[in-house]
N, C-alpha and C. Protein backbone atom coordinates (compact mmCIF):
# COMPACT_ATOMS: atom_id res chain seq x y z
N MET A 1 -2.36 -33.39 -3.32
CA MET A 1 -1.42 -33.41 -4.41
C MET A 1 -0.46 -32.23 -4.26
N THR A 2 0.81 -32.50 -4.31
CA THR A 2 1.80 -31.43 -4.22
C THR A 2 2.58 -31.36 -5.52
N THR A 3 3.11 -30.19 -5.77
CA THR A 3 3.98 -30.01 -6.93
C THR A 3 5.34 -29.63 -6.42
N GLU A 4 6.35 -29.82 -7.24
CA GLU A 4 7.70 -29.48 -6.82
C GLU A 4 8.08 -28.10 -7.30
N THR A 5 8.85 -27.41 -6.47
CA THR A 5 9.36 -26.10 -6.84
C THR A 5 10.62 -26.28 -7.66
N GLN A 6 11.21 -25.18 -8.07
CA GLN A 6 12.45 -25.22 -8.85
C GLN A 6 13.60 -25.79 -8.03
N THR A 7 13.48 -25.74 -6.72
CA THR A 7 14.54 -26.27 -5.86
C THR A 7 14.41 -27.77 -5.69
N GLY A 8 13.34 -28.38 -6.20
CA GLY A 8 13.15 -29.81 -6.07
C GLY A 8 12.37 -30.20 -4.83
N ARG A 9 12.09 -29.22 -3.96
CA ARG A 9 11.31 -29.51 -2.76
C ARG A 9 9.82 -29.42 -3.08
N PRO A 10 9.00 -30.20 -2.39
CA PRO A 10 7.56 -30.09 -2.64
C PRO A 10 7.01 -28.76 -2.14
N ASP A 11 6.05 -28.23 -2.87
CA ASP A 11 5.37 -27.02 -2.42
C ASP A 11 4.58 -27.33 -1.16
N PRO A 12 4.50 -26.36 -0.25
CA PRO A 12 3.67 -26.59 0.93
C PRO A 12 2.19 -26.61 0.52
N GLU A 13 1.42 -27.24 1.34
CA GLU A 13 -0.01 -27.27 1.07
C GLU A 13 -0.58 -25.89 1.32
N TRP A 14 -1.14 -25.28 0.28
CA TRP A 14 -1.63 -23.92 0.37
C TRP A 14 -2.69 -23.75 1.46
N PRO A 15 -3.67 -24.62 1.59
CA PRO A 15 -4.67 -24.41 2.65
C PRO A 15 -4.06 -24.35 4.04
N GLN A 16 -3.04 -25.13 4.30
CA GLN A 16 -2.39 -25.10 5.61
C GLN A 16 -1.69 -23.77 5.83
N VAL A 17 -1.02 -23.29 4.80
CA VAL A 17 -0.32 -22.00 4.91
C VAL A 17 -1.34 -20.89 5.10
N TYR A 18 -2.38 -20.90 4.29
CA TYR A 18 -3.40 -19.86 4.33
C TYR A 18 -4.08 -19.80 5.69
N ASP A 19 -4.35 -20.93 6.28
CA ASP A 19 -5.06 -20.99 7.56
C ASP A 19 -4.15 -20.77 8.77
N SER A 20 -2.85 -20.69 8.56
CA SER A 20 -1.95 -20.54 9.70
C SER A 20 -2.12 -19.17 10.34
N PRO A 21 -1.98 -19.11 11.67
CA PRO A 21 -2.11 -17.82 12.37
C PRO A 21 -1.10 -16.78 11.90
N GLU A 22 0.11 -17.23 11.57
CA GLU A 22 1.15 -16.29 11.12
C GLU A 22 0.75 -15.62 9.81
N PHE A 23 0.23 -16.41 8.87
CA PHE A 23 -0.17 -15.86 7.58
C PHE A 23 -1.37 -14.93 7.74
N GLN A 24 -2.30 -15.31 8.61
CA GLN A 24 -3.46 -14.45 8.84
C GLN A 24 -3.05 -13.14 9.49
N ARG A 25 -2.07 -13.17 10.40
CA ARG A 25 -1.56 -11.92 10.98
C ARG A 25 -0.91 -11.05 9.91
N LEU A 26 -0.15 -11.68 9.01
CA LEU A 26 0.48 -10.94 7.91
C LEU A 26 -0.58 -10.26 7.04
N ARG A 27 -1.61 -11.01 6.68
CA ARG A 27 -2.69 -10.44 5.87
C ARG A 27 -3.38 -9.31 6.60
N SER A 28 -3.59 -9.47 7.89
CA SER A 28 -4.25 -8.45 8.68
C SER A 28 -3.42 -7.17 8.73
N ARG A 29 -2.12 -7.31 8.94
CA ARG A 29 -1.23 -6.13 8.94
C ARG A 29 -1.27 -5.42 7.60
N PHE A 30 -1.26 -6.19 6.52
CA PHE A 30 -1.32 -5.61 5.18
C PHE A 30 -2.62 -4.84 4.99
N ARG A 31 -3.73 -5.46 5.35
CA ARG A 31 -5.05 -4.81 5.18
C ARG A 31 -5.17 -3.57 6.06
N ARG A 32 -4.62 -3.62 7.29
CA ARG A 32 -4.70 -2.45 8.17
C ARG A 32 -3.96 -1.25 7.60
N PHE A 33 -3.01 -1.48 6.74
CA PHE A 33 -2.33 -0.36 6.09
C PHE A 33 -3.03 0.03 4.80
N VAL A 34 -3.29 -0.94 3.94
CA VAL A 34 -3.75 -0.66 2.57
C VAL A 34 -5.14 -0.05 2.53
N PHE A 35 -6.08 -0.59 3.27
CA PHE A 35 -7.45 -0.08 3.18
C PHE A 35 -7.57 1.37 3.64
N PRO A 36 -7.04 1.74 4.81
CA PRO A 36 -7.14 3.15 5.20
C PRO A 36 -6.39 4.10 4.25
N MET A 37 -5.21 3.68 3.80
CA MET A 37 -4.45 4.54 2.87
C MET A 37 -5.18 4.71 1.55
N THR A 38 -5.79 3.64 1.07
CA THR A 38 -6.55 3.73 -0.17
C THR A 38 -7.73 4.66 0.00
N ALA A 39 -8.46 4.52 1.10
CA ALA A 39 -9.61 5.39 1.36
C ALA A 39 -9.17 6.85 1.49
N LEU A 40 -8.08 7.08 2.19
CA LEU A 40 -7.56 8.44 2.35
C LEU A 40 -7.18 9.05 1.01
N PHE A 41 -6.46 8.29 0.20
CA PHE A 41 -6.03 8.81 -1.09
C PHE A 41 -7.23 9.07 -2.01
N LEU A 42 -8.19 8.14 -2.03
CA LEU A 42 -9.37 8.34 -2.89
C LEU A 42 -10.19 9.54 -2.43
N ALA A 43 -10.30 9.74 -1.12
CA ALA A 43 -11.02 10.92 -0.62
C ALA A 43 -10.29 12.20 -1.02
N TRP A 44 -8.98 12.21 -0.91
CA TRP A 44 -8.17 13.37 -1.30
C TRP A 44 -8.32 13.65 -2.79
N TYR A 45 -8.30 12.60 -3.60
CA TYR A 45 -8.47 12.76 -5.04
C TYR A 45 -9.88 13.24 -5.38
N ALA A 46 -10.89 12.67 -4.72
CA ALA A 46 -12.27 13.08 -4.95
C ALA A 46 -12.46 14.55 -4.57
N LEU A 47 -11.84 14.99 -3.48
CA LEU A 47 -11.90 16.40 -3.09
C LEU A 47 -11.33 17.28 -4.19
N TYR A 48 -10.18 16.88 -4.72
CA TYR A 48 -9.56 17.64 -5.80
C TYR A 48 -10.47 17.73 -7.02
N VAL A 49 -11.04 16.61 -7.43
CA VAL A 49 -11.92 16.59 -8.60
C VAL A 49 -13.17 17.43 -8.35
N LEU A 50 -13.78 17.27 -7.19
CA LEU A 50 -14.99 18.03 -6.88
C LEU A 50 -14.72 19.53 -6.81
N LEU A 51 -13.62 19.91 -6.18
CA LEU A 51 -13.27 21.33 -6.14
C LEU A 51 -12.99 21.87 -7.53
N ALA A 52 -12.29 21.10 -8.35
CA ALA A 52 -12.00 21.54 -9.71
C ALA A 52 -13.28 21.72 -10.52
N ASP A 53 -14.28 20.89 -10.24
CA ASP A 53 -15.52 20.95 -11.01
C ASP A 53 -16.51 21.98 -10.47
N TYR A 54 -16.59 22.12 -9.14
CA TYR A 54 -17.64 22.96 -8.55
C TYR A 54 -17.14 24.22 -7.85
N ALA A 55 -15.87 24.37 -7.65
CA ALA A 55 -15.34 25.55 -6.94
C ALA A 55 -14.32 26.27 -7.82
N HIS A 56 -14.79 26.70 -8.98
CA HIS A 56 -13.89 27.33 -9.95
C HIS A 56 -13.19 28.56 -9.37
N ASP A 57 -13.95 29.40 -8.67
CA ASP A 57 -13.35 30.62 -8.12
C ASP A 57 -12.25 30.30 -7.11
N PHE A 58 -12.50 29.32 -6.26
CA PHE A 58 -11.50 28.93 -5.27
C PHE A 58 -10.26 28.34 -5.94
N MET A 59 -10.46 27.43 -6.86
CA MET A 59 -9.34 26.75 -7.50
C MET A 59 -8.55 27.68 -8.42
N SER A 60 -9.18 28.73 -8.94
CA SER A 60 -8.46 29.64 -9.83
C SER A 60 -7.88 30.84 -9.08
N HIS A 61 -8.03 30.84 -7.75
CA HIS A 61 -7.45 31.92 -6.94
C HIS A 61 -5.93 31.87 -7.05
N LYS A 62 -5.33 33.02 -7.40
CA LYS A 62 -3.88 33.07 -7.58
C LYS A 62 -3.18 33.23 -6.23
N ILE A 63 -2.19 32.40 -6.03
CA ILE A 63 -1.38 32.44 -4.82
C ILE A 63 -0.23 33.43 -5.01
N GLY A 64 0.38 33.35 -6.15
CA GLY A 64 1.49 34.23 -6.50
C GLY A 64 1.86 34.02 -7.95
N GLY A 65 1.95 35.07 -8.71
CA GLY A 65 2.26 34.93 -10.14
C GLY A 65 1.15 34.15 -10.83
N ASN A 66 1.53 33.12 -11.55
CA ASN A 66 0.55 32.27 -12.22
C ASN A 66 0.24 30.99 -11.44
N ILE A 67 0.65 30.93 -10.19
CA ILE A 67 0.41 29.76 -9.35
C ILE A 67 -0.98 29.89 -8.72
N THR A 68 -1.84 28.90 -8.99
CA THR A 68 -3.19 28.93 -8.45
C THR A 68 -3.38 27.83 -7.41
N VAL A 69 -4.47 27.92 -6.68
CA VAL A 69 -4.81 26.89 -5.69
C VAL A 69 -4.97 25.55 -6.40
N GLY A 70 -5.59 25.56 -7.58
CA GLY A 70 -5.78 24.32 -8.34
C GLY A 70 -4.46 23.67 -8.71
N LEU A 71 -3.49 24.48 -9.08
CA LEU A 71 -2.17 23.94 -9.43
C LEU A 71 -1.51 23.32 -8.20
N ILE A 72 -1.64 23.99 -7.06
CA ILE A 72 -1.08 23.45 -5.82
C ILE A 72 -1.76 22.12 -5.47
N PHE A 73 -3.08 22.08 -5.58
CA PHE A 73 -3.80 20.82 -5.32
C PHE A 73 -3.37 19.73 -6.30
N GLY A 74 -3.23 20.07 -7.56
CA GLY A 74 -2.81 19.09 -8.57
C GLY A 74 -1.42 18.54 -8.29
N LEU A 75 -0.50 19.43 -7.97
CA LEU A 75 0.85 18.97 -7.63
C LEU A 75 0.84 18.18 -6.32
N GLY A 76 -0.09 18.54 -5.44
CA GLY A 76 -0.23 17.80 -4.19
C GLY A 76 -0.63 16.34 -4.41
N GLN A 77 -1.32 16.08 -5.52
CA GLN A 77 -1.66 14.70 -5.85
C GLN A 77 -0.39 13.87 -6.08
N PHE A 78 0.55 14.46 -6.79
CA PHE A 78 1.82 13.75 -7.03
C PHE A 78 2.60 13.58 -5.73
N VAL A 79 2.66 14.64 -4.95
CA VAL A 79 3.39 14.58 -3.69
C VAL A 79 2.79 13.53 -2.77
N SER A 80 1.45 13.49 -2.69
CA SER A 80 0.82 12.51 -1.81
C SER A 80 1.04 11.08 -2.30
N THR A 81 1.08 10.89 -3.61
CA THR A 81 1.36 9.55 -4.15
C THR A 81 2.74 9.09 -3.74
N PHE A 82 3.73 9.95 -3.87
CA PHE A 82 5.09 9.59 -3.48
C PHE A 82 5.19 9.40 -1.97
N ALA A 83 4.49 10.23 -1.19
CA ALA A 83 4.52 10.10 0.26
C ALA A 83 3.91 8.77 0.71
N ILE A 84 2.78 8.41 0.12
CA ILE A 84 2.14 7.14 0.48
C ILE A 84 3.03 5.97 0.08
N THR A 85 3.66 6.07 -1.09
CA THR A 85 4.57 5.00 -1.52
C THR A 85 5.74 4.86 -0.54
N GLY A 86 6.32 5.98 -0.16
CA GLY A 86 7.42 5.95 0.80
C GLY A 86 7.00 5.40 2.14
N PHE A 87 5.82 5.81 2.59
CA PHE A 87 5.30 5.30 3.85
C PHE A 87 5.05 3.80 3.77
N TYR A 88 4.53 3.32 2.63
CA TYR A 88 4.30 1.88 2.46
C TYR A 88 5.63 1.11 2.50
N VAL A 89 6.64 1.62 1.83
CA VAL A 89 7.95 0.95 1.83
C VAL A 89 8.48 0.87 3.26
N TRP A 90 8.36 1.97 3.99
CA TRP A 90 8.81 1.99 5.39
C TRP A 90 8.03 0.96 6.21
N TYR A 91 6.71 0.95 6.05
CA TYR A 91 5.85 0.02 6.79
C TYR A 91 6.16 -1.43 6.42
N ALA A 92 6.29 -1.70 5.14
CA ALA A 92 6.57 -3.07 4.69
C ALA A 92 7.93 -3.55 5.20
N ASP A 93 8.92 -2.69 5.16
CA ASP A 93 10.25 -3.07 5.65
C ASP A 93 10.22 -3.45 7.13
N ARG A 94 9.39 -2.80 7.90
CA ARG A 94 9.38 -3.03 9.34
C ARG A 94 8.34 -4.04 9.81
N LYS A 95 7.21 -4.13 9.13
CA LYS A 95 6.11 -4.98 9.61
C LYS A 95 5.82 -6.18 8.71
N LEU A 96 5.80 -5.97 7.41
CA LEU A 96 5.36 -7.04 6.51
C LEU A 96 6.50 -7.97 6.10
N ASP A 97 7.60 -7.41 5.68
CA ASP A 97 8.70 -8.24 5.17
C ASP A 97 9.27 -9.20 6.20
N PRO A 98 9.50 -8.76 7.45
CA PRO A 98 10.01 -9.74 8.43
C PRO A 98 9.04 -10.90 8.67
N ALA A 99 7.75 -10.61 8.72
CA ALA A 99 6.76 -11.67 8.93
C ALA A 99 6.71 -12.60 7.72
N ALA A 100 6.75 -12.04 6.53
CA ALA A 100 6.73 -12.87 5.32
C ALA A 100 8.00 -13.71 5.23
N GLU A 101 9.12 -13.14 5.60
CA GLU A 101 10.38 -13.88 5.57
C GLU A 101 10.36 -15.03 6.57
N ALA A 102 9.79 -14.80 7.75
CA ALA A 102 9.69 -15.87 8.75
C ALA A 102 8.80 -17.01 8.24
N ILE A 103 7.70 -16.66 7.60
CA ILE A 103 6.82 -17.70 7.04
C ILE A 103 7.55 -18.47 5.95
N ARG A 104 8.26 -17.76 5.10
CA ARG A 104 9.01 -18.42 4.02
C ARG A 104 10.05 -19.37 4.57
N HIS A 105 10.80 -18.91 5.57
CA HIS A 105 11.82 -19.78 6.18
C HIS A 105 11.19 -21.02 6.82
N GLU A 106 10.05 -20.83 7.46
CA GLU A 106 9.36 -21.96 8.08
C GLU A 106 8.91 -22.96 7.02
N LEU A 107 8.39 -22.46 5.93
CA LEU A 107 7.90 -23.34 4.86
C LEU A 107 9.04 -24.09 4.17
N GLU A 108 10.15 -23.39 4.02
CA GLU A 108 11.27 -24.00 3.32
C GLU A 108 12.16 -24.81 4.26
N GLY A 109 11.83 -24.79 5.55
CA GLY A 109 12.58 -25.60 6.50
C GLY A 109 13.94 -25.02 6.84
N GLU A 110 14.09 -23.72 6.67
CA GLU A 110 15.37 -23.08 6.99
C GLU A 110 15.31 -22.50 8.38
N ALA A 111 16.41 -22.51 9.08
CA ALA A 111 16.50 -21.89 10.39
C ALA A 111 16.80 -20.41 10.20
N LEU A 112 16.19 -19.58 11.03
CA LEU A 112 16.47 -18.13 10.95
C LEU A 112 17.77 -17.78 11.62
């Protein structure tokens, strides 16, 4: 059973799309980026939380003025979030989006 899209064309059969080698490569590329980055970020965040909870002397060490190691680590959380986001955008633009666009064109019957 197929349904029609807003363009009036029938939707492709999802199992065929899902099982296609191109779609599986796209998913694999996505997972190869997302899983390691997620693990890295969670480890970095866990380090921050553990240091804040168990290494009070280290985290309260003053670097200069009222700037402490804990403040630097806390601000580093924001910096790392933006860096990972920027890296993902760069990666998606070069690896994911072209593959997804090719699959979309193939499904919609458009020539590249």
